[in-house]
C-alpha atoms as a PDB file:
ATOM      1  CA  UNK A   1      68.642  19.228  81.400  1.00  0.00           C
ATOM      2  CA  UNK A   2      69.846  16.972  84.188  1.00  0.00           C
ATOM      3  CA  UNK A   3      70.097  18.457  87.692  1.00  0.00           C
ATOM      4  CA  UNK A   4      72.205  15.569  89.034  1.00  0.00           C
ATOM      5  CA  UNK A   5      75.900  16.444  89.084  1.00  0.00           C
ATOM      6  CA  UNK A   6      77.210  13.148  90.367  1.00  0.00           C
ATOM      7  CA  UNK A   7      80.641  13.374  91.998  1.00  0.00           C
ATOM      8  CA  UNK A   8      82.351  16.728  91.423  1.00  0.00           C
ATOM      9  CA  UNK A   9      85.671  17.815  92.912  1.00  0.00           C
ATOM     10  CA  UNK A  10      85.861  21.550  93.430  1.00  0.00           C
ATOM     11  CA  UNK A  11      86.853  24.290  95.820  1.00  0.00           C
ATOM     12  CA  UNK A  12      85.097  27.112  97.663  1.00  0.00           C
ATOM     13  CA  UNK A  13      86.583  30.213  99.278  1.00  0.00           C
ATOM     14  CA  UNK A  14      86.206  30.119 103.049  1.00  0.00           C
ATOM     15  CA  UNK A  15      84.637  33.325 104.377  1.00  0.00           C
ATOM     16  CA  UNK A  16      84.773  32.477 108.066  1.00  0.00           C
ATOM     17  CA  UNK A  17      85.270  29.500 110.329  1.00  0.00           C
ATOM     18  CA  UNK A  18      85.653  28.590 113.943  1.00  0.00           C
ATOM     19  CA  UNK A  19      86.804  25.377 115.547  1.00  0.00           C
ATOM     20  CA  UNK A  20      86.187  24.849 119.252  1.00  0.00           C
ATOM     21  CA  UNK A  21      88.027  21.884 120.723  1.00  0.00           C
ATOM     22  CA  UNK A  22      86.265  20.471 123.771  1.00  0.00           C
ATOM     23  CA  UNK A  23      86.942  17.779 126.338  1.00  0.00           C
ATOM     24  CA  UNK A  24      85.823  15.206 125.421  1.00  0.00           C
ATOM     25  CA  UNK A  25      86.832  15.844 121.807  1.00  0.00           C
ATOM     26  CA  UNK A  26      83.521  14.404 120.547  1.00  0.00           C
ATOM     27  CA  UNK A  27      81.833  17.569 121.861  1.00  0.00           C
ATOM     28  CA  UNK A  28      84.018  19.841 119.725  1.00  0.00           C
ATOM     29  CA  UNK A  29      82.277  22.179 117.293  1.00  0.00           C
ATOM     30  CA  UNK A  30      82.927  23.508 113.805  1.00  0.00           C
ATOM     31  CA  UNK A  31      81.132  26.421 112.164  1.00  0.00           C
ATOM     32  CA  UNK A  32      82.078  27.443 108.632  1.00  0.00           C
ATOM     33  CA  UNK A  33      80.763  29.775 105.952  1.00  0.00           C
ATOM     34  CA  UNK A  34      81.892  29.529 102.330  1.00  0.00           C
ATOM     35  CA  UNK A  35      81.105  31.822  99.414  1.00  0.00           C
ATOM     36  CA  UNK A  36      78.727  30.037  97.026  1.00  0.00           C
ATOM     37  CA  UNK A  37      79.948  32.212  94.158  1.00  0.00           C
ATOM     38  CA  UNK A  38      83.520  31.026  94.643  1.00  0.00           C
ATOM     39  CA  UNK A  39      82.797  27.448  93.494  1.00  0.00           C
ATOM     40  CA  UNK A  40      85.612  26.407  91.133  1.00  0.00           C
ATOM     41  CA  UNK A  41      86.551  23.167  89.375  1.00  0.00           C
ATOM     42  CA  UNK A  42      88.529  24.600  86.468  1.00  0.00           C
ATOM     43  CA  UNK A  43      85.711  23.865  84.000  1.00  0.00           C
ATOM     44  CA  UNK A  44      84.207  27.337  83.448  1.00  0.00           C
ATOM     45  CA  UNK A  45      80.978  26.166  81.840  1.00  0.00           C
ATOM     46  CA  UNK A  46      80.241  23.674  84.629  1.00  0.00           C
ATOM     47  CA  UNK A  47      81.259  26.182  87.315  1.00  0.00           C
ATOM     48  CA  UNK A  48      78.902  28.815  85.892  1.00  0.00           C
ATOM     49  CA  UNK A  49      76.097  26.245  85.816  1.00  0.00           C
ATOM     50  CA  UNK A  50      76.704  25.132  89.415  1.00  0.00           C
ATOM     51  CA  UNK A  51      76.671  28.774  90.589  1.00  0.00           C
ATOM     52  CA  UNK A  52      73.505  29.493  88.555  1.00  0.00           C
ATOM     53  CA  UNK A  53      69.900  29.488  89.858  1.00  0.00           C
ATOM     54  CA  UNK A  54      69.654  25.834  88.749  1.00  0.00           C
ATOM     55  CA  UNK A  55      71.928  24.753  91.641  1.00  0.00           C
ATOM     56  CA  UNK A  56      73.537  27.121  94.155  1.00  0.00           C
ATOM     57  CA  UNK A  57      71.825  30.352  93.021  1.00  0.00           C
ATOM     58  CA  UNK A  58      74.890  32.161  94.331  1.00  0.00           C
ATOM     59  CA  UNK A  59      73.609  35.650  93.490  1.00  0.00           C
ATOM     60  CA  UNK A  60      70.533  35.268  95.723  1.00  0.00           C
ATOM     61  CA  UNK A  61      72.128  32.922  98.303  1.00  0.00           C
ATOM     62  CA  UNK A  62      75.792  33.941  98.595  1.00  0.00           C
ATOM     63  CA  UNK A  63      76.633  31.949 101.743  1.00  0.00           C
ATOM     64  CA  UNK A  64      76.778  28.216 102.381  1.00  0.00           C
ATOM     65  CA  UNK A  65      76.928  27.328 106.087  1.00  0.00           C
ATOM     66  CA  UNK A  66      78.015  24.216 107.969  1.00  0.00           C
ATOM     67  CA  UNK A  67      77.356  23.753 111.697  1.00  0.00           C
ATOM     68  CA  UNK A  68      78.522  20.605 113.419  1.00  0.00           C
ATOM     69  CA  UNK A  69      76.590  18.771 116.080  1.00  0.00           C
ATOM     70  CA  UNK A  70      79.298  16.300 117.076  1.00  0.00           C
ATOM     71  CA  UNK A  71      82.689  14.859 116.207  1.00  0.00           C
ATOM     72  CA  UNK A  72      83.085  11.121 115.724  1.00  0.00           C
ATOM     73  CA  UNK A  73      86.325   9.147 115.551  1.00  0.00           C
ATOM     74  CA  UNK A  74      85.862   5.947 113.582  1.00  0.00           C
ATOM     75  CA  UNK A  75      87.465   2.593 114.356  1.00  0.00           C
ATOM     76  CA  UNK A  76      89.959   3.413 111.598  1.00  0.00           C
ATOM     77  CA  UNK A  77      91.025   6.610 113.442  1.00  0.00           C
ATOM     78  CA  UNK A  78      89.439   8.915 110.872  1.00  0.00           C
ATOM     79  CA  UNK A  79      87.514  11.893 112.257  1.00  0.00           C
ATOM     80  CA  UNK A  80      84.156  13.022 110.912  1.00  0.00           C
ATOM     81  CA  UNK A  81      82.054  16.007 111.833  1.00  0.00           C
ATOM     82  CA  UNK A  82      78.321  15.442 111.753  1.00  0.00           C
ATOM     83  CA  UNK A  83      76.050  18.426 111.445  1.00  0.00           C
ATOM     84  CA  UNK A  84      73.929  20.398 109.044  1.00  0.00           C
ATOM     85  CA  UNK A  85      74.566  22.244 105.803  1.00  0.00           C
ATOM     86  CA  UNK A  86      72.479  25.234 104.763  1.00  0.00           C
ATOM     87  CA  UNK A  87      72.359  25.922 101.018  1.00  0.00           C
ATOM     88  CA  UNK A  88      69.831  28.214  99.316  1.00  0.00           C
ATOM     89  CA  UNK A  89      68.050  28.588 102.654  1.00  0.00           C
ATOM     90  CA  UNK A  90      67.510  24.838 103.013  1.00  0.00           C
ATOM     91  CA  UNK A  91      69.083  22.914 105.874  1.00  0.00           C
ATOM     92  CA  UNK A  92      70.015  19.220 105.596  1.00  0.00           C
ATOM     93  CA  UNK A  93      72.191  16.762 107.541  1.00  0.00           C
ATOM     94  CA  UNK A  94      75.785  16.395 106.356  1.00  0.00           C
ATOM     95  CA  UNK A  95      78.853  14.446 107.419  1.00  0.00           C
ATOM     96  CA  UNK A  96      82.328  15.865 106.741  1.00  0.00           C
ATOM     97  CA  UNK A  97      85.259  13.460 106.732  1.00  0.00           C
ATOM     98  CA  UNK A  98      88.655  15.025 107.299  1.00  0.00           C
ATOM     99  CA  UNK A  99      90.865  13.552 104.559  1.00  0.00           C
ATOM    100  CA  UNK A 100      93.936  15.675 105.269  1.00  0.00           C
ATOM    101  CA  UNK A 101      94.983  18.573 107.441  1.00  0.00           C
ATOM    102  CA  UNK A 102      98.136  20.645 106.964  1.00  0.00           C
ATOM    103  CA  UNK A 103      99.613  24.004 107.883  1.00  0.00           C
ATOM    104  CA  UNK A 104     101.041  25.743 104.788  1.00  0.00           C
ATOM    105  CA  UNK A 105     102.328  29.294 104.533  1.00  0.00           C
ATOM    106  CA  UNK A 106     100.634  30.177 107.815  1.00  0.00           C
ATOM    107  CA  UNK A 107      97.251  28.853 106.661  1.00  0.00           C
ATOM    108  CA  UNK A 108      95.379  25.774 107.771  1.00  0.00           C
ATOM    109  CA  UNK A 109      94.503  23.624 104.742  1.00  0.00           C
ATOM    110  CA  UNK A 110      91.822  20.965 104.978  1.00  0.00           C
ATOM    111  CA  UNK A 111      90.680  18.432 102.460  1.00  0.00           C
ATOM    112  CA  UNK A 112      87.184  17.211 103.259  1.00  0.00           C
ATOM    113  CA  UNK A 113      84.746  14.729 101.816  1.00  0.00           C
ATOM    114  CA  UNK A 114      81.094  15.570 102.315  1.00  0.00           C
ATOM    115  CA  UNK A 115      78.430  12.876 102.424  1.00  0.00           C
ATOM    116  CA  UNK A 116      74.744  13.207 103.045  1.00  0.00           C
ATOM    117  CA  UNK A 117      73.171  10.443 105.090  1.00  0.00           C
ATOM    118  CA  UNK A 118      70.446   8.493 103.322  1.00  0.00           C
ATOM    119  CA  UNK A 119      66.934   9.799 103.852  1.00  0.00           C
ATOM    120  CA  UNK A 120      64.936   8.078 106.591  1.00  0.00           C
ATOM    121  CA  UNK A 121      62.905   5.071 105.556  1.00  0.00           C
ATOM    122  CA  UNK A 122      59.199   5.702 105.092  1.00  0.00           C
ATOM    123  CA  UNK A 123      57.021   4.584 108.006  1.00  0.00           C
ATOM    124  CA  UNK A 124      55.800   1.000 107.845  1.00  0.00           C
ATOM    125  CA  UNK A 125      52.095   0.513 107.584  1.00  0.00           C
END
């Protein structure tokens, strides 16, 4: 069995979130919690596997958390939030790029792309 999913487009249900806008904007903060068991792509077999102990282990670790450390506006005007993601009790750096933002039916809808920075290079000897 392969544990590498590659690129997968899916959705999670947002349990809670807060956005604090600061001055300067780069010091703004985002905190979000999504339900691991809500992962959905429309492919039931894959979704069940992603929620299983092999990946998210949603029954034992029901919450996925993101906490930002800073906001960065790129030269292209696109905003990213750099911070950490906690999944299955493990914390790792993550960058969220805001692809789109809209207000629909009284709800804020975001489309985000998540990327993990490459691991640090091993020390030179």
